[in-house]
């Protein structure tokens, strides 16, 4: 989908905010790979109860500079912008970016409770209803293996059963039916069929191979101002750097053919194309995204990925949601890094054994995966205050649910998902698009 940029309303403001506000703040919570690897080793040995997470990229001067620039842009905008719509959209976006900076300032000052307050303000906190729905489904799965003939699986099942909260209930979650899933699949393949077209193979792709394929796909789409880079730091997930216009692939990343198709839909089809198309729309801010759009970004990306599957098993984002819920203590026991790690390790060990993995391999996988998840959950904190964590990762599950609900209410909305970075589940966002007559036909 290619859009015209002739009638842009906000070119001046977009240029300004792109310089001061397009950075993704949570990347500043990444650490030095060598230092964190040493912390991991000491943590696994039991020498450390909780690790220390370093934040070498968190620079006070950078935060102050960008906060001041954003404040100045807002002041000038309120004085000079004539369009109330543009003024409102940018004010909300600028306030959001300033809150992100103030959250980072709280980390720099080691005010972790304040950091937590900002995290909840920006991303919310998990609901008990969704948490106990996950626990209920997990218990049903565990129950099948309590009497397993495989001794390791039986023992792990019993141990996990005992650690989970006794209270659990399943409270009638909405699930997309076959008709709605078929519609989403049709529209997704119609728009991205060529993007995800790959030769069938059982081989696993390395980071350098993923990079070559992604680069080739971008060029075919005519996108030459984005780059694909290999990340040699401690990151474990592929991500998009909006500031540098780069797709970053961790050096240790490995994916199968289906995984690669999912990543193409997720990263290029959603995160990059919504950015490109938004910049060409009547409101360029749709390139960086309207306020509170990240949950929708992940929701749209995961919904599209799910549409390619034969069956719908569950909403996405269980791991992140569980980790935050355990850390906050939705079951009545707030946890620090170590306590959350032990809960997640058992969870991952159980899942790995259920998949047929041998115990030694499953144990190694569980330790490393639980560590990576806890680093994400406790980044921005000192890791040792029970109930203090970074709640961002709940957006994957909540966003996935929100987008499916939005499609149930208005299936036709899927046709303008790629118009830019807006939230189809947010009436204020869809109202802005309607006022500007931004539809799929643009």
Protein backbone atom coordinates (compact mmCIF):
# COMPACT_ATOMS: atom_id res chain seq x y z
CA UNK A 1 0.00 0.00 0.00
CA UNK A 2 1.57 3.30 -1.09
CA UNK A 3 0.15 6.57 0.15
CA UNK A 4 0.33 10.13 -1.10
CA UNK A 5 2.09 12.75 0.97
CA UNK A 6 0.66 15.80 -0.85
CA UNK A 7 -1.78 16.91 1.83
CA UNK A 8 0.36 16.39 4.92
CA UNK A 9 -0.91 18.49 7.86
CA UNK A 10 2.02 18.13 10.21
CA UNK A 11 5.29 18.00 8.28
CA UNK A 12 6.98 20.63 10.50
CA UNK A 13 5.99 18.98 13.78
CA UNK A 14 6.78 15.51 12.52
CA UNK A 15 10.30 16.57 11.57
CA UNK A 16 10.86 18.06 15.02
CA UNK A 17 9.47 15.17 17.03
CA UNK A 18 11.32 12.64 14.88
CA UNK A 19 14.61 14.12 16.07
CA UNK A 20 13.69 14.39 19.75
CA UNK A 21 11.13 11.65 20.32
CA UNK A 22 11.62 8.67 18.00
CA UNK A 23 14.04 6.83 20.28
CA UNK A 24 12.74 3.68 21.98
CA UNK A 25 13.49 4.37 25.62
CA UNK A 26 13.56 0.78 26.85
CA UNK A 27 16.61 0.09 24.69
CA UNK A 28 18.48 2.37 27.09
CA UNK A 29 17.88 -0.32 29.72
CA UNK A 30 20.05 -2.80 27.82
CA UNK A 31 23.35 -3.78 29.40
CA UNK A 32 26.95 -4.74 28.72
CA UNK A 33 27.00 -8.31 27.43
CA UNK A 34 30.15 -9.38 29.31
CA UNK A 35 28.97 -7.89 32.59
CA UNK A 36 25.53 -9.48 32.38
CA UNK A 37 26.97 -12.84 31.36
CA UNK A 38 29.12 -12.76 34.52
CA UNK A 39 26.06 -11.91 36.58
CA UNK A 40 24.22 -14.81 34.97
CA UNK A 41 27.02 -17.24 35.80
CA UNK A 42 27.15 -16.14 39.45
CA UNK A 43 23.36 -16.28 39.66
CA UNK A 44 23.22 -19.83 38.27
CA UNK A 45 25.90 -20.93 40.75
CA UNK A 46 23.85 -19.53 43.61
CA UNK A 47 26.58 -17.05 44.58
CA UNK A 48 24.10 -14.22 43.98
CA UNK A 49 20.55 -14.31 45.23
CA UNK A 50 19.64 -11.61 42.71
CA UNK A 51 21.73 -10.24 39.83
CA UNK A 52 22.76 -6.63 39.28
CA UNK A 53 21.60 -5.21 35.96
CA UNK A 54 23.84 -2.49 34.54
CA UNK A 55 22.51 0.41 32.45
CA UNK A 56 25.54 1.82 30.59
CA UNK A 57 23.41 3.53 27.92
CA UNK A 58 21.41 5.56 30.43
CA UNK A 59 22.97 9.02 30.08
CA UNK A 60 21.65 11.93 32.15
CA UNK A 61 22.62 14.52 29.50
CA UNK A 62 20.73 12.64 26.78
CA UNK A 63 17.59 12.46 28.90
CA UNK A 64 17.72 16.13 29.88
CA UNK A 65 18.37 17.23 26.29
CA UNK A 66 15.49 15.27 24.78
CA UNK A 67 13.08 16.20 27.56
CA UNK A 68 13.85 19.90 27.07
CA UNK A 69 13.47 19.64 23.29
CA UNK A 70 10.12 17.87 23.60
CA UNK A 71 8.86 20.47 26.09
CA UNK A 72 9.89 23.28 23.73
CA UNK A 73 8.16 21.60 20.79
CA UNK A 74 4.98 21.30 22.83
CA UNK A 75 5.08 24.97 23.86
CA UNK A 76 5.57 26.11 20.25
CA UNK A 77 2.91 23.70 19.00
CA UNK A 78 0.27 25.01 21.40
CA UNK A 79 1.04 28.59 20.32
CA UNK A 80 1.30 28.19 16.55
CA UNK A 81 -0.67 25.13 15.41
CA UNK A 82 -4.14 26.04 14.12
CA UNK A 83 -5.57 22.54 13.74
CA UNK A 84 -7.08 21.28 17.00
CA UNK A 85 -6.77 17.72 15.73
CA UNK A 86 -3.04 18.03 15.06
CA UNK A 87 -2.53 19.90 18.32
CA UNK A 88 -4.32 17.21 20.33
CA UNK A 89 -2.57 14.27 18.63
CA UNK A 90 0.89 15.75 19.11
CA UNK A 91 0.29 16.92 22.67
CA UNK A 92 -0.68 13.41 23.73
CA UNK A 93 2.32 11.93 21.93
CA UNK A 94 4.78 14.43 23.43
CA UNK A 95 3.39 13.91 26.94
CA UNK A 96 3.87 10.17 26.48
CA UNK A 97 7.51 10.59 25.40
CA UNK A 98 8.21 12.92 28.32
CA UNK A 99 6.74 10.33 30.71
CA UNK A 100 9.08 7.72 29.21
CA UNK A 101 12.07 9.99 29.86
CA UNK A 102 10.92 10.69 33.43
CA UNK A 103 10.65 6.95 33.98
CA UNK A 104 14.26 6.55 32.88
CA UNK A 105 15.27 9.42 35.15
CA UNK A 106 13.73 7.47 38.03
CA UNK A 107 15.99 4.52 37.15
CA UNK A 108 19.05 6.80 37.07
CA UNK A 109 18.11 8.10 40.53
CA UNK A 110 17.45 4.54 41.75
CA UNK A 111 13.90 5.48 42.65
CA UNK A 112 12.48 2.12 41.64
CA UNK A 113 9.02 2.64 43.12
CA UNK A 114 8.65 5.77 40.97
CA UNK A 115 9.88 3.77 37.98
CA UNK A 116 7.15 1.23 38.70
CA UNK A 117 4.51 3.98 38.91
CA UNK A 118 5.49 5.27 35.48
CA UNK A 119 5.52 1.74 34.07
CA UNK A 120 1.93 1.19 35.19
CA UNK A 121 0.90 4.60 33.88
CA UNK A 122 2.35 3.83 30.44
CA UNK A 123 1.58 0.13 30.11
CA UNK A 124 -0.90 -0.76 32.81
CA UNK A 125 -0.76 -3.85 34.98
CA UNK A 126 -2.06 -7.39 34.44
CA UNK A 127 -5.61 -8.19 35.41
CA UNK A 128 -6.30 -11.00 37.85
CA UNK A 129 -8.95 -12.35 35.51
CA UNK A 130 -6.47 -12.93 32.69
CA UNK A 131 -3.85 -14.24 35.12
CA UNK A 132 -6.14 -16.85 36.64
CA UNK A 133 -7.42 -17.84 33.21
CA UNK A 134 -3.83 -18.70 32.28
CA UNK A 135 -3.32 -20.56 35.58
CA UNK A 136 -6.53 -22.55 35.02
CA UNK A 137 -5.47 -23.63 31.53
CA UNK A 138 -1.98 -24.47 32.76
CA UNK A 139 -3.40 -26.63 35.54
CA UNK A 140 -5.53 -28.55 33.05
CA UNK A 141 -2.39 -29.30 31.06
CA UNK A 142 -0.40 -30.28 34.17
CA UNK A 143 -3.18 -32.56 35.42
CA UNK A 144 -2.76 -34.78 32.35
CA UNK A 145 0.84 -35.52 33.33
CA UNK A 146 0.57 -35.99 37.11
CA UNK A 147 0.52 -39.74 36.56
CA UNK A 148 2.91 -39.81 33.59
CA UNK A 149 5.03 -42.93 33.07
CA UNK A 150 7.96 -40.61 32.35
CA UNK A 151 9.41 -40.10 35.82
CA UNK A 152 10.99 -36.69 35.11
CA UNK A 153 7.79 -35.31 33.58
CA UNK A 154 5.70 -36.66 36.46
CA UNK A 155 7.99 -35.18 39.12
CA UNK A 156 8.16 -31.78 37.41
CA UNK A 157 4.38 -31.77 36.94
CA UNK A 158 3.82 -32.48 40.65
CA UNK A 159 6.35 -29.80 41.68
CA UNK A 160 4.81 -27.16 39.40
CA UNK A 161 1.30 -28.05 40.54
CA UNK A 162 2.33 -27.42 44.15
CA UNK A 163 3.91 -24.03 43.40
CA UNK A 164 0.97 -22.62 41.45
CA UNK A 165 -1.78 -20.79 43.37
CA UNK A 166 -4.49 -23.10 44.68
CA UNK A 167 -7.13 -20.61 43.59
CA UNK A 168 -7.92 -20.67 39.88
CA UNK A 169 -10.90 -20.05 37.65
CA UNK A 170 -11.66 -19.80 33.96
CA UNK A 171 -13.87 -16.83 33.25
CA UNK A 172 -15.27 -17.18 29.74
CA UNK A 173 -12.67 -15.46 27.58
CA UNK A 174 -13.78 -14.48 24.08
CA UNK A 175 -12.07 -16.52 21.37
CA UNK A 176 -12.15 -15.67 17.65
CA UNK A 177 -14.30 -18.12 15.71
CA UNK A 178 -13.37 -19.86 12.44
CA UNK A 179 -15.17 -17.28 10.30
CA UNK A 180 -13.27 -14.34 11.77
CA UNK A 181 -9.95 -16.19 11.59
CA UNK A 182 -10.63 -17.07 7.96
CA UNK A 183 -11.26 -13.41 7.14
CA UNK A 184 -8.02 -12.32 8.81
CA UNK A 185 -6.09 -15.05 7.00
CA UNK A 186 -7.56 -14.04 3.65
CA UNK A 187 -6.71 -10.36 4.12
CA UNK A 188 -3.24 -11.15 5.48
CA UNK A 189 -2.33 -13.41 2.55
CA UNK A 190 -3.86 -10.94 0.09
CA UNK A 191 -1.59 -8.19 1.40
CA UNK A 192 1.52 -10.14 2.35
CA UNK A 193 1.45 -13.32 0.29
CA UNK A 194 4.53 -12.32 -1.70
CA UNK A 195 6.35 -11.05 1.38
CA UNK A 196 6.14 -14.40 3.18
CA UNK A 197 6.64 -16.59 0.09
CA UNK A 198 9.58 -18.90 0.92
CA UNK A 199 10.87 -22.19 -0.43
CA UNK A 200 9.83 -25.12 1.73
CA UNK A 201 12.66 -26.45 3.86
CA UNK A 202 13.25 -28.07 7.24
CA UNK A 203 16.54 -26.31 7.85
CA UNK A 204 17.11 -23.71 10.55
CA UNK A 205 18.22 -20.21 9.55
CA UNK A 206 21.08 -18.42 11.30
CA UNK A 207 21.16 -14.70 12.11
CA UNK A 208 23.24 -13.90 9.01
CA UNK A 209 20.86 -15.88 6.80
CA UNK A 210 17.84 -14.15 8.31
CA UNK A 211 19.55 -10.83 7.62
CA UNK A 212 20.06 -11.65 3.91
CA UNK A 213 16.46 -12.77 3.45
CA UNK A 214 15.06 -9.72 5.25
CA UNK A 215 17.29 -7.39 3.24
CA UNK A 216 16.13 -8.97 -0.03
CA UNK A 217 12.46 -8.65 0.98
CA UNK A 218 12.89 -4.96 1.90
CA UNK A 219 14.47 -4.17 -1.48
CA UNK A 220 11.63 -5.93 -3.32
CA UNK A 221 9.20 -3.68 -1.43
CA UNK A 222 11.18 -0.65 -2.57
CA UNK A 223 12.28 0.17 0.98
CA UNK A 224 15.89 1.33 0.69
CA UNK A 225 16.18 3.64 3.71
CA UNK A 226 15.99 0.79 6.25
CA UNK A 227 18.88 -1.46 7.24
CA UNK A 228 19.15 -4.96 8.67
CA UNK A 229 21.83 -5.28 11.36
CA UNK A 230 23.29 -8.04 13.52
CA UNK A 231 23.28 -7.36 17.28
CA UNK A 232 26.26 -8.65 19.28
CA UNK A 233 25.02 -7.40 22.68
CA UNK A 234 22.96 -9.23 25.31
CA UNK A 235 19.64 -8.89 23.47
CA UNK A 236 17.80 -12.10 22.63
CA UNK A 237 14.87 -10.84 20.54
CA UNK A 238 14.61 -9.32 17.08
CA UNK A 239 13.45 -5.72 17.29
CA UNK A 240 12.94 -2.59 15.21
CA UNK A 241 14.98 0.54 15.98
CA UNK A 242 12.66 3.36 14.88
CA UNK A 243 15.29 6.05 15.49
CA UNK A 244 17.94 4.47 13.25
CA UNK A 245 15.44 2.84 10.86
CA UNK A 246 17.00 -0.54 11.41
CA UNK A 247 15.83 -4.09 12.04
CA UNK A 248 18.11 -5.66 14.63
CA UNK A 249 18.78 -9.42 14.74
CA UNK A 250 20.58 -10.96 17.76
CA UNK A 251 23.65 -12.94 16.70
CA UNK A 252 22.35 -16.12 18.36
CA UNK A 253 18.89 -15.96 16.76
CA UNK A 254 17.76 -19.14 15.00
CA UNK A 255 14.41 -19.77 13.28
CA UNK A 256 12.75 -22.44 11.19
CA UNK A 257 10.85 -21.77 7.96
CA UNK A 258 7.50 -21.08 9.65
CA UNK A 259 9.23 -18.90 12.24
CA UNK A 260 10.79 -16.87 9.46
CA UNK A 261 7.40 -16.30 7.80
CA UNK A 262 6.02 -15.14 11.14
CA UNK A 263 8.92 -12.69 11.61
CA UNK A 264 8.44 -11.28 8.11
CA UNK A 265 4.79 -10.56 8.89
CA UNK A 266 5.60 -9.23 12.35
CA UNK A 267 8.64 -7.05 11.73
CA UNK A 268 8.43 -5.94 8.09
CA UNK A 269 4.72 -6.37 7.36
CA UNK A 270 3.64 -4.62 10.56
CA UNK A 271 6.31 -2.56 12.30
CA UNK A 272 8.19 -1.26 9.24
CA UNK A 273 5.36 -0.94 6.69
CA UNK A 274 3.03 0.79 9.15
CA UNK A 275 5.87 3.25 9.77
CA UNK A 276 6.47 3.82 6.04
CA UNK A 277 2.80 4.20 5.16
CA UNK A 278 2.09 6.44 8.12
CA UNK A 279 4.81 8.86 7.02
CA UNK A 280 3.12 9.14 3.62
CA UNK A 281 -0.35 9.77 5.03
CA UNK A 282 -2.17 13.04 5.63
CA UNK A 283 -0.96 12.88 9.25
CA UNK A 284 2.73 11.98 9.31
CA UNK A 285 2.60 11.30 13.04
CA UNK A 286 1.08 7.96 12.02
CA UNK A 287 4.63 7.04 11.04
CA UNK A 288 5.96 7.24 14.59
CA UNK A 289 2.59 6.33 16.02
CA UNK A 290 -0.24 8.02 17.89
CA UNK A 291 -0.12 7.89 21.69
CA UNK A 292 -0.43 4.50 23.42
CA UNK A 293 -0.01 2.65 20.14
CA UNK A 294 2.57 0.02 21.10
CA UNK A 295 0.00 -2.43 22.46
CA UNK A 296 -1.86 -2.26 19.14
CA UNK A 297 1.38 -2.66 17.18
CA UNK A 298 2.11 -5.95 18.90
CA UNK A 299 -1.55 -6.93 18.77
CA UNK A 300 -1.80 -6.48 15.00
CA UNK A 301 1.51 -8.25 14.41
CA UNK A 302 0.51 -11.28 16.50
CA UNK A 303 -3.03 -11.46 15.08
CA UNK A 304 -1.59 -11.61 11.57
CA UNK A 305 0.81 -14.34 12.62
CA UNK A 306 -1.94 -16.37 14.28
CA UNK A 307 -4.07 -16.13 11.14
CA UNK A 308 -1.49 -18.22 9.28
CA UNK A 309 -1.90 -21.13 11.72
CA UNK A 310 -4.42 -23.90 11.07
CA UNK A 311 -5.85 -23.74 14.58
CA UNK A 312 -6.22 -21.06 17.22
CA UNK A 313 -4.77 -22.41 20.47
CA UNK A 314 -4.64 -19.32 22.66
CA UNK A 315 -3.94 -15.61 22.69
CA UNK A 316 -0.24 -14.78 22.45
CA UNK A 317 2.09 -13.33 25.07
CA UNK A 318 1.56 -15.85 27.89
CA UNK A 319 5.18 -15.86 29.07
CA UNK A 320 5.51 -12.11 29.51
CA UNK A 321 2.12 -11.84 31.15
CA UNK A 322 2.91 -14.65 33.60
CA UNK A 323 6.32 -13.20 34.49
CA UNK A 324 4.90 -9.78 35.34
CA UNK A 325 1.99 -11.34 37.23
CA UNK A 326 4.29 -13.52 39.35
CA UNK A 327 6.61 -10.58 40.05
CA UNK A 328 3.72 -8.33 41.11
CA UNK A 329 2.24 -11.13 43.20
CA UNK A 330 -1.21 -11.44 41.66
CA UNK A 331 -1.44 -14.73 43.54
CA UNK A 332 -0.77 -12.93 46.83
CA UNK A 333 3.04 -13.26 46.94
CA UNK A 334 5.11 -10.41 45.38
CA UNK A 335 8.45 -11.75 44.12
CA UNK A 336 11.99 -10.55 43.44
CA UNK A 337 14.12 -11.68 40.46
CA UNK A 338 15.20 -14.99 42.06
CA UNK A 339 11.72 -15.99 43.17
CA UNK A 340 10.21 -15.15 39.79
CA UNK A 341 13.03 -17.01 38.06
CA UNK A 342 12.34 -20.19 40.07
CA UNK A 343 8.64 -20.07 39.16
CA UNK A 344 9.36 -19.54 35.47
CA UNK A 345 12.12 -22.17 35.38
CA UNK A 346 9.66 -24.83 36.50
CA UNK A 347 7.12 -23.58 33.97
CA UNK A 348 9.61 -23.74 31.07
CA UNK A 349 10.97 -27.10 32.23
CA UNK A 350 7.46 -28.55 32.23
CA UNK A 351 6.71 -27.21 28.72
CA UNK A 352 10.01 -28.49 27.35
CA UNK A 353 9.47 -31.99 28.76
CA UNK A 354 5.92 -32.01 27.38
CA UNK A 355 7.44 -31.34 23.95
CA UNK A 356 9.49 -34.52 24.28
CA UNK A 357 12.88 -32.99 25.12
CA UNK A 358 15.33 -34.99 27.24
CA UNK A 359 15.70 -33.83 30.84
CA UNK A 360 19.23 -32.40 30.54
CA UNK A 361 18.36 -30.36 27.45
CA UNK A 362 15.05 -29.26 28.97
CA UNK A 363 16.76 -28.14 32.16
CA UNK A 364 19.31 -26.04 30.29
CA UNK A 365 16.59 -24.51 28.11
CA UNK A 366 14.45 -23.71 31.18
CA UNK A 367 17.30 -21.94 33.02
CA UNK A 368 18.36 -19.79 30.06
CA UNK A 369 14.81 -18.92 29.01
CA UNK A 370 13.74 -18.05 32.55
CA UNK A 371 16.82 -15.85 32.91
CA UNK A 372 16.11 -13.95 29.67
CA UNK A 373 12.48 -13.47 30.63
CA UNK A 374 13.36 -12.19 34.10
CA UNK A 375 15.92 -9.76 32.69
CA UNK A 376 13.13 -8.30 30.54
CA UNK A 377 10.72 -8.22 33.47
CA UNK A 378 13.10 -6.65 35.99
CA UNK A 379 15.06 -4.26 33.74
CA UNK A 380 14.94 -0.78 35.20
CA UNK A 381 14.96 -2.14 38.78
CA UNK A 382 17.55 -3.42 41.24
CA UNK A 383 15.98 -6.92 40.98
CA UNK A 384 15.64 -7.38 44.73
CA UNK A 385 12.45 -5.51 45.63
CA UNK A 386 9.48 -7.94 45.55
CA UNK A 387 6.63 -6.58 43.46
CA UNK A 388 8.73 -3.96 41.64
CA UNK A 389 9.16 -4.72 37.94
CA UNK A 390 8.71 -3.39 34.40
CA UNK A 391 5.14 -4.17 33.26
CA UNK A 392 5.66 -3.56 29.53
CA UNK A 393 5.48 -7.20 28.46
CA UNK A 394 1.80 -7.55 29.33
CA UNK A 395 1.03 -5.60 26.13
CA UNK A 396 1.65 -8.64 23.93
CA UNK A 397 -1.24 -10.65 25.39
CA UNK A 398 -3.52 -7.70 26.10
CA UNK A 399 -2.86 -6.20 22.65
CA UNK A 400 -3.58 -9.51 20.95
CA UNK A 401 -6.91 -9.81 22.76
CA UNK A 402 -7.82 -6.16 22.03
CA UNK A 403 -7.23 -6.46 18.28
CA UNK A 404 -9.26 -9.67 17.98
CA UNK A 405 -12.09 -7.95 19.86
CA UNK A 406 -11.87 -4.91 17.60
CA UNK A 407 -12.15 -7.17 14.54
CA UNK A 408 -15.15 -8.96 16.02
CA UNK A 409 -16.85 -5.58 16.42
CA UNK A 410 -15.82 -4.24 13.01
CA UNK A 411 -14.18 -6.80 10.66
CA UNK A 412 -13.78 -4.19 7.90
CA UNK A 413 -11.24 -2.30 10.03
CA UNK A 414 -8.57 -4.82 9.01
CA UNK A 415 -8.44 -3.21 5.57
CA UNK A 416 -6.72 -0.13 6.96
CA UNK A 417 -4.44 -1.80 9.50
CA UNK A 418 -1.45 -0.90 7.32
CA UNK A 419 -2.38 2.77 6.98
CA UNK A 420 -0.04 3.76 9.81
CA UNK A 421 0.62 3.29 13.51
CA UNK A 422 -2.80 3.70 15.12
CA UNK A 423 -4.83 1.53 17.47
CA UNK A 424 -7.95 0.00 15.84
CA UNK A 425 -9.29 -0.70 19.34
CA UNK A 426 -9.01 2.96 20.39
CA UNK A 427 -12.08 5.03 19.34
CA UNK A 428 -10.05 8.27 19.53
CA UNK A 429 -7.56 6.90 17.02
CA UNK A 430 -10.17 5.66 14.55
CA UNK A 431 -11.98 9.00 14.93
CA UNK A 432 -8.80 10.85 13.88
CA UNK A 433 -8.47 8.66 10.78
CA UNK A 434 -12.13 9.17 9.93
CA UNK A 435 -11.86 12.96 10.31
CA UNK A 436 -8.92 12.99 7.89
CA UNK A 437 -10.69 10.58 5.56
CA UNK A 438 -7.81 8.13 5.86
CA UNK A 439 -9.09 4.79 4.61
CA UNK A 440 -7.63 1.75 2.88
CA UNK A 441 -8.32 3.50 -0.43
CA UNK A 442 -5.68 6.15 0.38
